PDB file of N, CA and C in Angstrom:
ATOM      1  N   MET A   1      49.715 116.252 157.258  1.00  0.00           N
ATOM      2  CA  MET A   1      48.262 116.278 157.323  1.00  0.00           C
ATOM      3  C   MET A   1      47.709 115.902 155.948  1.00  0.00           C
ATOM      4  N   LEU A   2      46.623 115.146 155.970  1.00  0.00           N
ATOM      5  CA  LEU A   2      45.971 114.716 154.743  1.00  0.00           C
ATOM      6  C   LEU A   2      44.581 115.330 154.646  1.00  0.00           C
ATOM      7  N   CYS A   3      44.283 115.924 153.507  1.00  0.00           N
ATOM      8  CA  CYS A   3      42.948 116.464 153.249  1.00  0.00           C
ATOM      9  C   CYS A   3      42.170 115.410 152.484  1.00  0.00           C
ATOM     10  N   LEU A   4      41.029 115.031 152.993  1.00  0.00           N
ATOM     11  CA  LEU A   4      40.216 113.983 152.392  1.00  0.00           C
ATOM     12  C   LEU A   4      39.238 114.583 151.389  1.00  0.00           C
ATOM     13  N   ASP A   5      39.291 114.096 150.149  1.00  0.00           N
ATOM     14  CA  ASP A   5      38.365 114.540 149.121  1.00  0.00           C
ATOM     15  C   ASP A   5      36.985 113.932 149.380  1.00  0.00           C
ATOM     16  N   THR A   6      35.988 114.502 148.762  1.00  0.00           N
ATOM     17  CA  THR A   6      34.606 114.070 148.954  1.00  0.00           C
ATOM     18  C   THR A   6      34.436 112.577 148.710  1.00  0.00           C
ATOM     19  N   ASN A   7      35.020 112.066 147.642  1.00  0.00           N
ATOM     20  CA  ASN A   7      34.839 110.644 147.317  1.00  0.00           C
ATOM     21  C   ASN A   7      35.443 109.726 148.375  1.00  0.00           C
ATOM     22  N   ILE A   8      36.517 110.151 148.997  1.00  0.00           N
ATOM     23  CA  ILE A   8      37.132 109.357 150.071  1.00  0.00           C
ATOM     24  C   ILE A   8      36.213 109.331 151.290  1.00  0.00           C
ATOM     25  N   ILE A   9      35.648 110.474 151.613  1.00  0.00           N
ATOM     26  CA  ILE A   9      34.753 110.556 152.782  1.00  0.00           C
ATOM     27  C   ILE A   9      33.498 109.717 152.552  1.00  0.00           C
ATOM     28  N   ILE A  10      32.969 109.758 151.350  1.00  0.00           N
ATOM     29  CA  ILE A  10      31.795 108.931 151.046  1.00  0.00           C
ATOM     30  C   ILE A  10      32.134 107.451 151.219  1.00  0.00           C
ATOM     31  N   ASP A  11      33.313 107.046 150.760  1.00  0.00           N
ATOM     32  CA  ASP A  11      33.735 105.656 150.961  1.00  0.00           C
ATOM     33  C   ASP A  11      33.878 105.324 152.449  1.00  0.00           C
ATOM     34  N   LEU A  12      34.340 106.271 153.244  1.00  0.00           N
ATOM     35  CA  LEU A  12      34.418 106.064 154.701  1.00  0.00           C
ATOM     36  C   LEU A  12      33.021 105.857 155.283  1.00  0.00           C
ATOM     37  N   PHE A  13      32.087 106.723 154.895  1.00  0.00           N
ATOM     38  CA  PHE A  13      30.724 106.629 155.404  1.00  0.00           C
ATOM     39  C   PHE A  13      30.071 105.310 155.011  1.00  0.00           C
ATOM     40  N   ARG A  14      30.422 104.788 153.856  1.00  0.00           N
ATOM     41  CA  ARG A  14      29.833 103.535 153.369  1.00  0.00           C
ATOM     42  C   ARG A  14      30.577 102.297 153.859  1.00  0.00           C
ATOM     43  N   GLY A  15      31.636 102.507 154.657  1.00  0.00           N
ATOM     44  CA  GLY A  15      32.382 101.394 155.217  1.00  0.00           C
ATOM     45  C   GLY A  15      33.390 100.768 154.277  1.00  0.00           C
ATOM     46  N   LYS A  16      33.671 101.404 153.154  1.00  0.00           N
ATOM     47  CA  LYS A  16      34.635 100.862 152.194  1.00  0.00           C
ATOM     48  C   LYS A  16      36.074 101.176 152.603  1.00  0.00           C
ATOM     49  N   LEU A  17      36.255 102.187 153.426  1.00  0.00           N
ATOM     50  CA  LEU A  17      37.561 102.588 153.942  1.00  0.00           C
ATOM     51  C   LEU A  17      37.449 102.805 155.432  1.00  0.00           C
ATOM     52  N   SER A  18      38.584 102.773 156.110  1.00  0.00           N
ATOM     53  CA  SER A  18      38.608 103.023 157.546  1.00  0.00           C
ATOM     54  C   SER A  18      39.823 103.880 157.889  1.00  0.00           C
ATOM     55  N   LEU A  19      39.642 104.801 158.800  1.00  0.00           N
ATOM     56  CA  LEU A  19      40.746 105.620 159.285  1.00  0.00           C
ATOM     57  C   LEU A  19      41.216 105.157 160.656  1.00  0.00           C
ATOM     58  N   LYS A  20      40.553 104.153 161.188  1.00  0.00           N
ATOM     59  CA  LYS A  20      40.927 103.656 162.510  1.00  0.00           C
ATOM     60  C   LYS A  20      42.341 103.122 162.470  1.00  0.00           C
ATOM     61  N   ASN A  21      43.040 103.269 163.559  1.00  0.00           N
ATOM     62  CA  ASN A  21      44.429 102.828 163.720  1.00  0.00           C
ATOM     63  C   ASN A  21      45.413 103.649 162.889  1.00  0.00           C
ATOM     64  N   SER A  22      44.982 104.773 162.397  1.00  0.00           N
ATOM     65  CA  SER A  22      45.874 105.638 161.626  1.00  0.00           C
ATOM     66  C   SER A  22      46.400 106.741 162.530  1.00  0.00           C
ATOM     67  N   GLN A  23      47.655 107.076 162.345  1.00  0.00           N
ATOM     68  CA  GLN A  23      48.278 108.136 163.137  1.00  0.00           C
ATOM     69  C   GLN A  23      48.216 109.489 162.427  1.00  0.00           C
ATOM     70  N   GLU A  24      47.657 109.519 161.234  1.00  0.00           N
ATOM     71  CA  GLU A  24      47.579 110.748 160.451  1.00  0.00           C
ATOM     72  C   GLU A  24      46.576 111.731 161.048  1.00  0.00           C
ATOM     73  N   GLU A  25      46.797 112.993 160.751  1.00  0.00           N
ATOM     74  CA  GLU A  25      45.826 114.027 161.072  1.00  0.00           C
ATOM     75  C   GLU A  25      45.085 114.343 159.783  1.00  0.00           C
ATOM     76  N   TYR A  26      43.760 114.471 159.867  1.00  0.00           N
ATOM     77  CA  TYR A  26      42.933 114.649 158.680  1.00  0.00           C
ATOM     78  C   TYR A  26      42.274 116.020 158.670  1.00  0.00           C
ATOM     79  N   ALA A  27      42.011 116.463 157.434  1.00  0.00           N
ATOM     80  CA  ALA A  27      41.387 117.768 157.253  1.00  0.00           C
ATOM     81  C   ALA A  27      40.401 117.698 156.096  1.00  0.00           C
ATOM     82  N   ILE A  28      39.505 118.677 156.049  1.00  0.00           N
ATOM     83  CA  ILE A  28      38.654 118.873 154.883  1.00  0.00           C
ATOM     84  C   ILE A  28      38.567 120.369 154.608  1.00  0.00           C
ATOM     85  N   THR A  29      38.128 120.692 153.419  1.00  0.00           N
ATOM     86  CA  THR A  29      37.965 122.093 153.029  1.00  0.00           C
ATOM     87  C   THR A  29      36.485 122.472 153.108  1.00  0.00           C
ATOM     88  N   PRO A  30      36.181 123.769 153.128  1.00  0.00           N
ATOM     89  CA  PRO A  30      34.773 124.192 153.092  1.00  0.00           C
ATOM     90  C   PRO A  30      34.054 123.697 151.833  1.00  0.00           C
ATOM     91  N   ILE A  31      34.774 123.608 150.712  1.00  0.00           N
ATOM     92  CA  ILE A  31      34.168 123.153 149.464  1.00  0.00           C
ATOM     93  C   ILE A  31      33.733 121.689 149.602  1.00  0.00           C
ATOM     94  N   ILE A  32      34.593 120.878 150.188  1.00  0.00           N
ATOM     95  CA  ILE A  32      34.270 119.466 150.404  1.00  0.00           C
ATOM     96  C   ILE A  32      33.077 119.332 151.349  1.00  0.00           C
ATOM     97  N   ALA A  33      33.060 120.128 152.411  1.00  0.00           N
ATOM     98  CA  ALA A  33      31.925 120.094 153.341  1.00  0.00           C
ATOM     99  C   ALA A  33      30.634 120.456 152.613  1.00  0.00           C
ATOM    100  N   CYS A  34      30.689 121.460 151.736  1.00  0.00           N
ATOM    101  CA  CYS A  34      29.504 121.848 150.953  1.00  0.00           C
ATOM    102  C   CYS A  34      29.046 120.701 150.061  1.00  0.00           C
ATOM    103  N   GLU A  35      29.986 120.036 149.397  1.00  0.00           N
ATOM    104  CA  GLU A  35      29.625 118.905 148.534  1.00  0.00           C
ATOM    105  C   GLU A  35      28.972 117.788 149.338  1.00  0.00           C
ATOM    106  N   LEU A  36      29.486 117.526 150.524  1.00  0.00           N
ATOM    107  CA  LEU A  36      28.913 116.481 151.374  1.00  0.00           C
ATOM    108  C   LEU A  36      27.500 116.822 151.812  1.00  0.00           C
ATOM    109  N   TYR A  37      27.307 118.048 152.308  1.00  0.00           N
ATOM    110  CA  TYR A  37      25.965 118.451 152.742  1.00  0.00           C
ATOM    111  C   TYR A  37      24.995 118.513 151.568  1.00  0.00           C
ATOM    112  N   LYS A  38      25.468 118.926 150.416  1.00  0.00           N
ATOM    113  CA  LYS A  38      24.626 118.955 149.209  1.00  0.00           C
ATOM    114  C   LYS A  38      24.098 117.558 148.911  1.00  0.00           C
ATOM    115  N   GLY A  39      24.961 116.556 149.054  1.00  0.00           N
ATOM    116  CA  GLY A  39      24.546 115.177 148.819  1.00  0.00           C
ATOM    117  C   GLY A  39      23.631 114.618 149.889  1.00  0.00           C
ATOM    118  N   ALA A  40      23.691 115.187 151.078  1.00  0.00           N
ATOM    119  CA  ALA A  40      22.892 114.666 152.197  1.00  0.00           C
ATOM    120  C   ALA A  40      21.459 115.173 152.184  1.00  0.00           C
ATOM    121  N   TYR A  41      21.171 116.254 151.451  1.00  0.00           N
ATOM    122  CA  TYR A  41      19.864 116.876 151.563  1.00  0.00           C
ATOM    123  C   TYR A  41      18.909 116.760 150.379  1.00  0.00           C
ATOM    124  N   PRO A  42      19.244 116.060 149.277  1.00  0.00           N
ATOM    125  CA  PRO A  42      18.230 115.967 148.230  1.00  0.00           C
ATOM    126  C   PRO A  42      16.975 115.230 148.703  1.00  0.00           C
ATOM    127  N   GLU A  43      17.185 114.282 149.582  1.00  0.00           N
ATOM    128  CA  GLU A  43      16.092 113.528 150.192  1.00  0.00           C
ATOM    129  C   GLU A  43      16.298 113.625 151.699  1.00  0.00           C
ATOM    130  N   VAL A  44      15.440 113.009 152.428  1.00  0.00           N
ATOM    131  CA  VAL A  44      15.591 113.029 153.877  1.00  0.00           C
ATOM    132  C   VAL A  44      16.671 112.017 154.251  1.00  0.00           C
ATOM    133  N   ARG A  45      17.869 112.528 154.509  1.00  0.00           N
ATOM    134  CA  ARG A  45      19.006 111.671 154.879  1.00  0.00           C
ATOM    135  C   ARG A  45      19.677 112.240 156.133  1.00  0.00           C
ATOM    136  N   LYS A  46      18.933 112.348 157.179  1.00  0.00           N
ATOM    137  CA  LYS A  46      19.469 112.958 158.392  1.00  0.00           C
ATOM    138  C   LYS A  46      20.682 112.206 158.930  1.00  0.00           C
ATOM    139  N   HIS A  47      20.739 110.896 158.734  1.00  0.00           N
ATOM    140  CA  HIS A  47      21.885 110.131 159.230  1.00  0.00           C
ATOM    141  C   HIS A  47      23.163 110.555 158.507  1.00  0.00           C
ATOM    142  N   GLU A  48      23.068 110.915 157.221  1.00  0.00           N
ATOM    143  CA  GLU A  48      24.247 111.364 156.485  1.00  0.00           C
ATOM    144  C   GLU A  48      24.701 112.736 156.979  1.00  0.00           C
ATOM    145  N   ALA A  49      23.765 113.622 157.236  1.00  0.00           N
ATOM    146  CA  ALA A  49      24.120 114.934 157.776  1.00  0.00           C
ATOM    147  C   ALA A  49      24.768 114.777 159.148  1.00  0.00           C
ATOM    148  N   ALA A  50      24.280 113.836 159.930  1.00  0.00           N
ATOM    149  CA  ALA A  50      24.874 113.582 161.249  1.00  0.00           C
ATOM    150  C   ALA A  50      26.292 113.045 161.115  1.00  0.00           C
ATOM    151  N   GLN A  51      26.529 112.195 160.100  1.00  0.00           N
ATOM    152  CA  GLN A  51      27.886 111.689 159.861  1.00  0.00           C
ATOM    153  C   GLN A  51      28.831 112.844 159.501  1.00  0.00           C
ATOM    154  N   ILE A  52      28.342 113.768 158.708  1.00  0.00           N
ATOM    155  CA  ILE A  52      29.160 114.925 158.320  1.00  0.00           C
ATOM    156  C   ILE A  52      29.464 115.773 159.546  1.00  0.00           C
ATOM    157  N   ASP A  53      28.441 116.017 160.372  1.00  0.00           N
ATOM    158  CA  ASP A  53      28.644 116.781 161.608  1.00  0.00           C
ATOM    159  C   ASP A  53      29.717 116.126 162.471  1.00  0.00           C
ATOM    160  N   GLU A  54      29.652 114.802 162.599  1.00  0.00           N
ATOM    161  CA  GLU A  54      30.632 114.077 163.409  1.00  0.00           C
ATOM    162  C   GLU A  54      32.028 114.214 162.800  1.00  0.00           C
ATOM    163  N   LEU A  55      32.128 114.048 161.481  1.00  0.00           N
ATOM    164  CA  LEU A  55      33.416 114.186 160.791  1.00  0.00           C
ATOM    165  C   LEU A  55      34.031 115.555 161.065  1.00  0.00           C
ATOM    166  N   LEU A  56      33.223 116.587 160.997  1.00  0.00           N
ATOM    167  CA  LEU A  56      33.727 117.943 161.231  1.00  0.00           C
ATOM    168  C   LEU A  56      34.204 118.144 162.664  1.00  0.00           C
ATOM    169  N   SER A  57      33.714 117.321 163.578  1.00  0.00           N
ATOM    170  CA  SER A  57      34.119 117.470 164.978  1.00  0.00           C
ATOM    171  C   SER A  57      35.530 116.947 165.240  1.00  0.00           C
ATOM    172  N   TYR A  58      36.054 116.066 164.368  1.00  0.00           N
ATOM    173  CA  TYR A  58      37.388 115.517 164.619  1.00  0.00           C
ATOM    174  C   TYR A  58      38.383 115.721 163.482  1.00  0.00           C
ATOM    175  N   THR A  59      38.020 116.499 162.486  1.00  0.00           N
ATOM    176  CA  THR A  59      38.974 116.836 161.426  1.00  0.00           C
ATOM    177  C   THR A  59      39.268 118.326 161.476  1.00  0.00           C
ATOM    178  N   THR A  60      40.397 118.686 160.919  1.00  0.00           N
ATOM    179  CA  THR A  60      40.747 120.098 160.819  1.00  0.00           C
ATOM    180  C   THR A  60      39.993 120.693 159.647  1.00  0.00           C
ATOM    181  N   PHE A  61      39.404 121.840 159.854  1.00  0.00           N
ATOM    182  CA  PHE A  61      38.654 122.536 158.810  1.00  0.00           C
ATOM    183  C   PHE A  61      39.584 123.595 158.226  1.00  0.00           C
ATOM    184  N   LEU A  62      40.072 123.342 157.014  1.00  0.00           N
ATOM    185  CA  LEU A  62      41.038 124.242 156.390  1.00  0.00           C
ATOM    186  C   LEU A  62      40.345 125.507 155.885  1.00  0.00           C
ATOM    187  N   GLU A  63      40.842 126.621 156.306  1.00  0.00           N
ATOM    188  CA  GLU A  63      40.255 127.904 155.947  1.00  0.00           C
ATOM    189  C   GLU A  63      40.500 128.234 154.470  1.00  0.00           C
ATOM    190  N   PHE A  64      39.482 128.781 153.830  1.00  0.00           N
ATOM    191  CA  PHE A  64      39.616 129.292 152.464  1.00  0.00           C
ATOM    192  C   PHE A  64      40.109 130.727 152.603  1.00  0.00           C
ATOM    193  N   ASN A  65      41.420 130.866 152.725  1.00  0.00           N
ATOM    194  CA  ASN A  65      42.028 132.152 153.054  1.00  0.00           C
ATOM    195  C   ASN A  65      42.430 132.939 151.812  1.00  0.00           C
ATOM    196  N   ALA A  66      42.974 134.132 152.029  1.00  0.00           N
ATOM    197  CA  ALA A  66      43.380 134.999 150.924  1.00  0.00           C
ATOM    198  C   ALA A  66      44.458 134.356 150.066  1.00  0.00           C
ATOM    199  N   GLU A  67      45.373 133.626 150.680  1.00  0.00           N
ATOM    200  CA  GLU A  67      46.430 132.943 149.922  1.00  0.00           C
ATOM    201  C   GLU A  67      45.824 131.906 148.979  1.00  0.00           C
ATOM    202  N   ALA A  68      44.823 131.168 149.452  1.00  0.00           N
ATOM    203  CA  ALA A  68      44.155 130.185 148.600  1.00  0.00           C
ATOM    204  C   ALA A  68      43.467 130.864 147.421  1.00  0.00           C
ATOM    205  N   CYS A  69      42.889 132.021 147.651  1.00  0.00           N
ATOM    206  CA  CYS A  69      42.241 132.766 146.566  1.00  0.00           C
ATOM    207  C   CYS A  69      43.262 133.192 145.513  1.00  0.00           C
ATOM    208  N   LYS A  70      44.407 133.650 145.960  1.00  0.00           N
ATOM    209  CA  LYS A  70      45.472 134.050 145.036  1.00  0.00           C
ATOM    210  C   LYS A  70      45.960 132.841 144.236  1.00  0.00           C
ATOM    211  N   ILE A  71      46.186 131.731 144.922  1.00  0.00           N
ATOM    212  CA  ILE A  71      46.622 130.503 144.255  1.00  0.00           C
ATOM    213  C   ILE A  71      45.578 130.062 143.228  1.00  0.00           C
ATOM    214  N   PHE A  72      44.299 130.174 143.582  1.00  0.00           N
ATOM    215  CA  PHE A  72      43.224 129.818 142.659  1.00  0.00           C
ATOM    216  C   PHE A  72      43.350 130.613 141.362  1.00  0.00           C
ATOM    217  N   GLY A  73      43.519 131.926 141.477  1.00  0.00           N
ATOM    218  CA  GLY A  73      43.645 132.766 140.288  1.00  0.00           C
ATOM    219  C   GLY A  73      44.852 132.407 139.443  1.00  0.00           C
ATOM    220  N   GLU A  74      45.972 132.179 140.107  1.00  0.00           N
ATOM    221  CA  GLU A  74      47.204 131.818 139.386  1.00  0.00           C
ATOM    222  C   GLU A  74      47.045 130.477 138.666  1.00  0.00           C
ATOM    223  N   LEU A  75      46.501 129.490 139.373  1.00  0.00           N
ATOM    224  CA  LEU A  75      46.315 128.172 138.768  1.00  0.00           C
ATOM    225  C   LEU A  75      45.315 128.215 137.619  1.00  0.00           C
ATOM    226  N   TYR A  76      44.252 128.965 137.811  1.00  0.00           N
ATOM    227  CA  TYR A  76      43.236 129.072 136.766  1.00  0.00           C
ATOM    228  C   TYR A  76      43.855 129.611 135.478  1.00  0.00           C
ATOM    229  N   ALA A  77      44.628 130.681 135.606  1.00  0.00           N
ATOM    230  CA  ALA A  77      45.271 131.268 134.427  1.00  0.00           C
ATOM    231  C   ALA A  77      46.253 130.293 133.787  1.00  0.00           C
ATOM    232  N   GLU A  78      47.043 129.631 134.614  1.00  0.00           N
ATOM    233  CA  GLU A  78      48.044 128.687 134.106  1.00  0.00           C
ATOM    234  C   GLU A  78      47.389 127.514 133.379  1.00  0.00           C
ATOM    235  N   LEU A  79      46.329 126.965 133.954  1.00  0.00           N
ATOM    236  CA  LEU A  79      45.657 125.826 133.339  1.00  0.00           C
ATOM    237  C   LEU A  79      44.920 126.225 132.062  1.00  0.00           C
ATOM    238  N   CYS A  80      44.359 127.428 132.043  1.00  0.00           N
ATOM    239  CA  CYS A  80      43.700 127.912 130.824  1.00  0.00           C
ATOM    240  C   CYS A  80      44.703 128.029 129.676  1.00  0.00           C
ATOM    241  N   LYS A  81      45.883 128.563 129.975  1.00  0.00           N
ATOM    242  CA  LYS A  81      46.928 128.694 128.947  1.00  0.00           C
ATOM    243  C   LYS A  81      47.310 127.332 128.377  1.00  0.00           C
ATOM    244  N   LYS A  82      47.298 126.312 129.219  1.00  0.00           N
ATOM    245  CA  LYS A  82      47.671 124.959 128.785  1.00  0.00           C
ATOM    246  C   LYS A  82      46.490 124.208 128.173  1.00  0.00           C
ATOM    247  N   GLY A  83      45.293 124.809 128.226  1.00  0.00           N
ATOM    248  CA  GLY A  83      44.105 124.127 127.722  1.00  0.00           C
ATOM    249  C   GLY A  83      43.655 122.980 128.598  1.00  0.00           C
ATOM    250  N   LYS A  84      43.958 123.060 129.883  1.00  0.00           N
ATOM    251  CA  LYS A  84      43.632 121.985 130.825  1.00  0.00           C
ATOM    252  C   LYS A  84      42.776 122.513 131.967  1.00  0.00           C
ATOM    253  N   GLN A  85      41.632 123.090 131.617  1.00  0.00           N
ATOM    254  CA  GLN A  85      40.771 123.641 132.648  1.00  0.00           C
ATOM    255  C   GLN A  85      40.281 122.561 133.610  1.00  0.00           C
ATOM    256  N   THR A  86      40.099 122.988 134.826  1.00  0.00           N
ATOM    257  CA  THR A  86      39.619 122.131 135.904  1.00  0.00           C
ATOM    258  C   THR A  86      38.370 122.787 136.465  1.00  0.00           C
ATOM    259  N   SER A  87      37.441 122.003 136.970  1.00  0.00           N
ATOM    260  CA  SER A  87      36.226 122.596 137.541  1.00  0.00           C
ATOM    261  C   SER A  87      36.613 123.562 138.659  1.00  0.00           C
ATOM    262  N   ASP A  88      35.805 124.607 138.811  1.00  0.00           N
ATOM    263  CA  ASP A  88      36.090 125.593 139.854  1.00  0.00           C
ATOM    264  C   ASP A  88      36.154 124.948 141.236  1.00  0.00           C
ATOM    265  N   ALA A  89      35.242 124.027 141.518  1.00  0.00           N
ATOM    266  CA  ALA A  89      35.227 123.390 142.843  1.00  0.00           C
ATOM    267  C   ALA A  89      36.530 122.624 143.088  1.00  0.00           C
ATOM    268  N   ASP A  90      36.964 121.837 142.104  1.00  0.00           N
ATOM    269  CA  ASP A  90      38.212 121.086 142.278  1.00  0.00           C
ATOM    270  C   ASP A  90      39.411 122.019 142.372  1.00  0.00           C
ATOM    271  N   LEU A  91      39.393 123.091 141.607  1.00  0.00           N
ATOM    272  CA  LEU A  91      40.492 124.048 141.668  1.00  0.00           C
ATOM    273  C   LEU A  91      40.519 124.775 143.014  1.00  0.00           C
ATOM    274  N   MET A  92      39.352 125.063 143.582  1.00  0.00           N
ATOM    275  CA  MET A  92      39.294 125.673 144.917  1.00  0.00           C
ATOM    276  C   MET A  92      39.840 124.713 145.966  1.00  0.00           C
ATOM    277  N   ILE A  93      39.446 123.442 145.884  1.00  0.00           N
ATOM    278  CA  ILE A  93      39.947 122.435 146.826  1.00  0.00           C
ATOM    279  C   ILE A  93      41.465 122.362 146.745  1.00  0.00           C
ATOM    280  N   ALA A  94      41.988 122.287 145.532  1.00  0.00           N
ATOM    281  CA  ALA A  94      43.440 122.209 145.335  1.00  0.00           C
ATOM    282  C   ALA A  94      44.132 123.462 145.858  1.00  0.00           C
ATOM    283  N   SER A  95      43.551 124.614 145.622  1.00  0.00           N
ATOM    284  CA  SER A  95      44.142 125.881 146.074  1.00  0.00           C
ATOM    285  C   SER A  95      44.206 125.954 147.589  1.00  0.00           C
ATOM    286  N   ILE A  96      43.161 125.496 148.237  1.00  0.00           N
ATOM    287  CA  ILE A  96      43.148 125.476 149.706  1.00  0.00           C
ATOM    288  C   ILE A  96      44.218 124.522 150.221  1.00  0.00           C
ATOM    289  N   CYS A  97      44.310 123.344 149.617  1.00  0.00           N
ATOM    290  CA  CYS A  97      45.337 122.374 150.033  1.00  0.00           C
ATOM    291  C   CYS A  97      46.735 122.944 149.847  1.00  0.00           C
ATOM    292  N   LYS A  98      46.962 123.594 148.717  1.00  0.00           N
ATOM    293  CA  LYS A  98      48.280 124.181 148.470  1.00  0.00           C
ATOM    294  C   LYS A  98      48.584 125.293 149.471  1.00  0.00           C
ATOM    295  N   SER A  99      47.605 126.118 149.790  1.00  0.00           N
ATOM    296  CA  SER A  99      47.853 127.232 150.713  1.00  0.00           C
ATOM    297  C   SER A  99      48.175 126.751 152.122  1.00  0.00           C
ATOM    298  N   HIS A 100      47.690 125.572 152.478  1.00  0.00           N
ATOM    299  CA  HIS A 100      47.948 125.001 153.807  1.00  0.00           C
ATOM    300  C   HIS A 100      49.044 123.930 153.777  1.00  0.00           C
ATOM    301  N   ASP A 101      49.613 123.706 152.590  1.00  0.00           N
ATOM    302  CA  ASP A 101      50.691 122.732 152.402  1.00  0.00           C
ATOM    303  C   ASP A 101      50.305 121.336 152.920  1.00  0.00           C
ATOM    304  N   VAL A 102      49.127 120.870 152.493  1.00  0.00           N
ATOM    305  CA  VAL A 102      48.666 119.533 152.867  1.00  0.00           C
ATOM    306  C   VAL A 102      48.509 118.685 151.608  1.00  0.00           C
ATOM    307  N   THR A 103      48.462 117.389 151.798  1.00  0.00           N
ATOM    308  CA  THR A 103      48.287 116.433 150.715  1.00  0.00           C
ATOM    309  C   THR A 103      46.809 116.119 150.556  1.00  0.00           C
ATOM    310  N   LEU A 104      46.332 116.155 149.322  1.00  0.00           N
ATOM    311  CA  LEU A 104      44.943 115.803 149.026  1.00  0.00           C
ATOM    312  C   LEU A 104      44.860 114.318 148.711  1.00  0.00           C
ATOM    313  N   VAL A 105      43.953 113.619 149.400  1.00  0.00           N
ATOM    314  CA  VAL A 105      43.725 112.202 149.172  1.00  0.00           C
ATOM    315  C   VAL A 105      42.426 112.066 148.385  1.00  0.00           C
ATOM    316  N   THR A 106      42.502 111.428 147.224  1.00  0.00           N
ATOM    317  CA  THR A 106      41.331 111.293 146.354  1.00  0.00           C
ATOM    318  C   THR A 106      41.365 109.975 145.606  1.00  0.00           C
ATOM    319  N   SER A 107      40.201 109.546 145.167  1.00  0.00           N
ATOM    320  CA  SER A 107      40.145 108.408 144.249  1.00  0.00           C
ATOM    321  C   SER A 107      39.857 108.891 142.827  1.00  0.00           C
ATOM    322  N   ASN A 108      39.763 110.200 142.651  1.00  0.00           N
ATOM    323  CA  ASN A 108      39.558 110.811 141.339  1.00  0.00           C
ATOM    324  C   ASN A 108      40.818 111.558 140.911  1.00  0.00           C
ATOM    325  N   LYS A 109      41.884 110.819 140.705  1.00  0.00           N
ATOM    326  CA  LYS A 109      43.172 111.420 140.356  1.00  0.00           C
ATOM    327  C   LYS A 109      43.071 112.327 139.131  1.00  0.00           C
ATOM    328  N   LYS A 110      42.277 111.914 138.146  1.00  0.00           N
ATOM    329  CA  LYS A 110      42.175 112.677 136.898  1.00  0.00           C
ATOM    330  C   LYS A 110      41.656 114.098 137.131  1.00  0.00           C
ATOM    331  N   ASP A 111      40.888 114.310 138.186  1.00  0.00           N
ATOM    332  CA  ASP A 111      40.355 115.641 138.471  1.00  0.00           C
ATOM    333  C   ASP A 111      41.436 116.612 138.938  1.00  0.00           C
ATOM    334  N   PHE A 112      42.551 116.079 139.448  1.00  0.00           N
ATOM    335  CA  PHE A 112      43.560 116.934 140.068  1.00  0.00           C
ATOM    336  C   PHE A 112      44.961 116.792 139.489  1.00  0.00           C
ATOM    337  N   GLU A 113      45.193 115.811 138.637  1.00  0.00           N
ATOM    338  CA  GLU A 113      46.556 115.522 138.188  1.00  0.00           C
ATOM    339  C   GLU A 113      47.197 116.629 137.355  1.00  0.00           C
ATOM    340  N   ASN A 114      46.418 117.527 136.788  1.00  0.00           N
ATOM    341  CA  ASN A 114      46.972 118.612 135.977  1.00  0.00           C
ATOM    342  C   ASN A 114      47.330 119.853 136.794  1.00  0.00           C
ATOM    343  N   ILE A 115      47.093 119.810 138.075  1.00  0.00           N
ATOM    344  CA  ILE A 115      47.320 120.988 138.926  1.00  0.00           C
ATOM    345  C   ILE A 115      48.758 120.972 139.420  1.00  0.00           C
ATOM    346  N   PRO A 116      49.550 121.905 138.930  1.00  0.00           N
ATOM    347  CA  PRO A 116      50.977 121.917 139.292  1.00  0.00           C
ATOM    348  C   PRO A 116      51.194 122.228 140.779  1.00  0.00           C
ATOM    349  N   GLY A 117      52.113 121.463 141.368  1.00  0.00           N
ATOM    350  CA  GLY A 117      52.505 121.710 142.748  1.00  0.00           C
ATOM    351  C   GLY A 117      51.576 121.152 143.797  1.00  0.00           C
ATOM    352  N   LEU A 118      50.476 120.521 143.389  1.00  0.00           N
ATOM    353  CA  LEU A 118      49.549 119.936 144.367  1.00  0.00           C
ATOM    354  C   LEU A 118      50.106 118.616 144.852  1.00  0.00           C
ATOM    355  N   LYS A 119      50.176 118.455 146.168  1.00  0.00           N
ATOM    356  CA  LYS A 119      50.550 117.175 146.756  1.00  0.00           C
ATOM    357  C   LYS A 119      49.318 116.291 146.685  1.00  0.00           C
ATOM    358  N   LEU A 120      49.432 115.186 145.969  1.00  0.00           N
ATOM    359  CA  LEU A 120      48.283 114.354 145.679  1.00  0.00           C
ATOM    360  C   LEU A 120      48.572 112.898 146.027  1.00  0.00           C
ATOM    361  N   LEU A 121      47.646 112.278 146.717  1.00  0.00           N
ATOM    362  CA  LEU A 121      47.734 110.857 147.032  1.00  0.00           C
ATOM    363  C   LEU A 121      46.480 110.201 146.462  1.00  0.00           C
ATOM    364  N   ALA A 122      46.645 109.437 145.397  1.00  0.00           N
ATOM    365  CA  ALA A 122      45.512 108.763 144.760  1.00  0.00           C
ATOM    366  C   ALA A 122      45.372 107.362 145.329  1.00  0.00           C
ATOM    367  N   VAL A 123      44.161 107.020 145.748  1.00  0.00           N
ATOM    368  CA  VAL A 123      43.901 105.685 146.295  1.00  0.00           C
ATOM    369  C   VAL A 123      42.866 104.963 145.442  1.00  0.00           C
TER     370      VAL A 123
END
C-alpha cells in the first residue's frame, strides 16, 4: 500500500499525475486530509473540496492510532538528539505510515529523508 503525500495529491488534482491503470492500493493520513482541506478553503474552492471528498471515498484512511503516537515521540526524541528536527505535521505523517507499515510517496524527499525506518518513495 502506498500513502500519498499532500504534494502528490495536489499534482493528481492538477492533472500532472495519474493513478489510472495502477494496481496499487492507496491511502492517506488524517494529517494529509487536513492539509488538503486547509488549502481548499482560503477562498471559495468548492470543486477542490469535492475532489478531496471523492479521493477519500476510494482511498484507505490510515488511523492515527496509539502506536503512531508512540512512534512520533520516539522519532521526535531521536531526531532532536541528531539535530535534525522535522515539522510536527511531517513527523506525524511519517509516524502514521510507519505504524501501518506503508510506503509514503512524496515529491518532497527532503522533508522525510532523515526519518529512520520510513519507507519512502520519492517521485
